[in-house]
């Protein structure tokens, strides 16, 4: 909703391929646990933001964290 709202403002941006201001958003979510540090969530959100920008900007990318034992993971890993 935020991405669309900003785009709908139509604020000029001469150097953008969209010719207007846009927003890229990285979202991360996890269930709190003692096995994860707060920095893990921040790093996941940052990775999602870079993925959104890599897709051409003006995008939203969600990044979930998978803990050891979830989905057969051997060690904590990030899933995109």
Protein backbone atom coordinates (compact mmCIF):
# COMPACT_ATOMS: atom_id res chain seq x y z
CA UNK A 1 0.00 0.00 0.00
CA UNK A 2 2.85 2.39 0.82
CA UNK A 3 4.64 1.65 -2.46
CA UNK A 4 1.51 2.36 -4.49
CA UNK A 5 0.63 5.46 -2.45
CA UNK A 6 4.07 6.99 -3.06
CA UNK A 7 3.95 6.15 -6.77
CA UNK A 8 0.44 7.63 -7.04
CA UNK A 9 1.74 10.97 -5.71
CA UNK A 10 3.45 11.42 -9.07
CA UNK A 11 6.36 13.39 -7.61
CA UNK A 12 8.78 14.11 -10.49
CA UNK A 13 12.16 12.35 -10.52
CA UNK A 14 14.05 13.20 -13.70
CA UNK A 15 16.70 10.48 -13.38
CA UNK A 16 14.31 7.61 -12.60
CA UNK A 17 13.12 5.21 -15.29
CA UNK A 18 9.67 5.71 -13.78
CA UNK A 19 10.06 9.51 -14.08
CA UNK A 20 8.58 9.80 -10.58
CA UNK A 21 9.61 9.02 -7.01
CA UNK A 22 9.11 5.35 -6.10
CA UNK A 23 9.75 3.20 -3.04
CA UNK A 24 11.47 -0.15 -2.67
CA UNK A 25 10.68 -2.05 0.51
CA UNK A 26 12.30 -5.03 2.19
CA UNK A 27 10.18 -6.87 4.73
CA UNK A 28 11.32 -9.62 7.07
CA UNK A 29 9.41 -11.62 9.62
CA UNK A 30 10.12 -14.40 12.07
CA UNK A 31 8.77 -15.94 15.22
CA UNK A 32 10.85 -14.66 18.13
CA UNK A 33 13.16 -17.24 19.65
CA UNK A 34 16.29 -17.45 21.76
CA UNK A 35 18.07 -19.05 18.78
CA UNK A 36 17.99 -15.81 16.80
CA UNK A 37 19.53 -12.45 17.53
CA UNK A 38 17.75 -9.19 16.62
CA UNK A 39 20.50 -8.56 14.06
CA UNK A 40 19.32 -11.65 12.14
CA UNK A 41 15.97 -9.99 11.49
CA UNK A 42 17.62 -6.70 10.51
CA UNK A 43 19.98 -8.51 8.12
CA UNK A 44 17.04 -10.35 6.55
CA UNK A 45 15.14 -7.10 6.01
CA UNK A 46 18.25 -5.54 4.49
CA UNK A 47 18.68 -8.51 2.14
CA UNK A 48 15.04 -8.19 1.10
CA UNK A 49 15.51 -4.47 0.39
CA UNK A 50 18.49 -5.17 -1.88
CA UNK A 51 16.46 -7.89 -3.63
CA UNK A 52 13.66 -5.37 -4.24
CA UNK A 53 16.13 -2.90 -5.73
CA UNK A 54 17.69 -5.65 -7.84
CA UNK A 55 14.26 -6.39 -9.33
CA UNK A 56 14.22 -2.93 -10.81
CA UNK A 57 13.15 -0.89 -7.82
CA UNK A 58 9.56 0.13 -7.08
CA UNK A 59 9.06 -3.30 -5.52
CA UNK A 60 8.30 -5.04 -2.25
CA UNK A 61 10.17 -8.22 -1.30
CA UNK A 62 9.39 -10.36 1.73
CA UNK A 63 12.16 -12.37 3.37
CA UNK A 64 11.31 -15.02 5.98
CA UNK A 65 13.83 -16.51 8.36
CA UNK A 66 14.03 -20.29 8.65
CA UNK A 67 15.47 -21.75 11.86
CA UNK A 68 17.39 -24.99 12.22
CA UNK A 69 14.95 -27.88 12.03
CA UNK A 70 12.40 -25.90 10.03
CA UNK A 71 11.84 -27.27 6.53
CA UNK A 72 14.69 -29.73 7.07
CA UNK A 73 17.37 -27.07 7.47
CA UNK A 74 20.65 -28.28 9.02
CA UNK A 75 21.63 -24.82 10.26
CA UNK A 76 19.87 -21.51 10.60
CA UNK A 77 19.57 -19.98 7.16
CA UNK A 78 17.69 -17.23 5.44
CA UNK A 79 15.07 -18.16 2.91
CA UNK A 80 14.13 -15.73 0.15
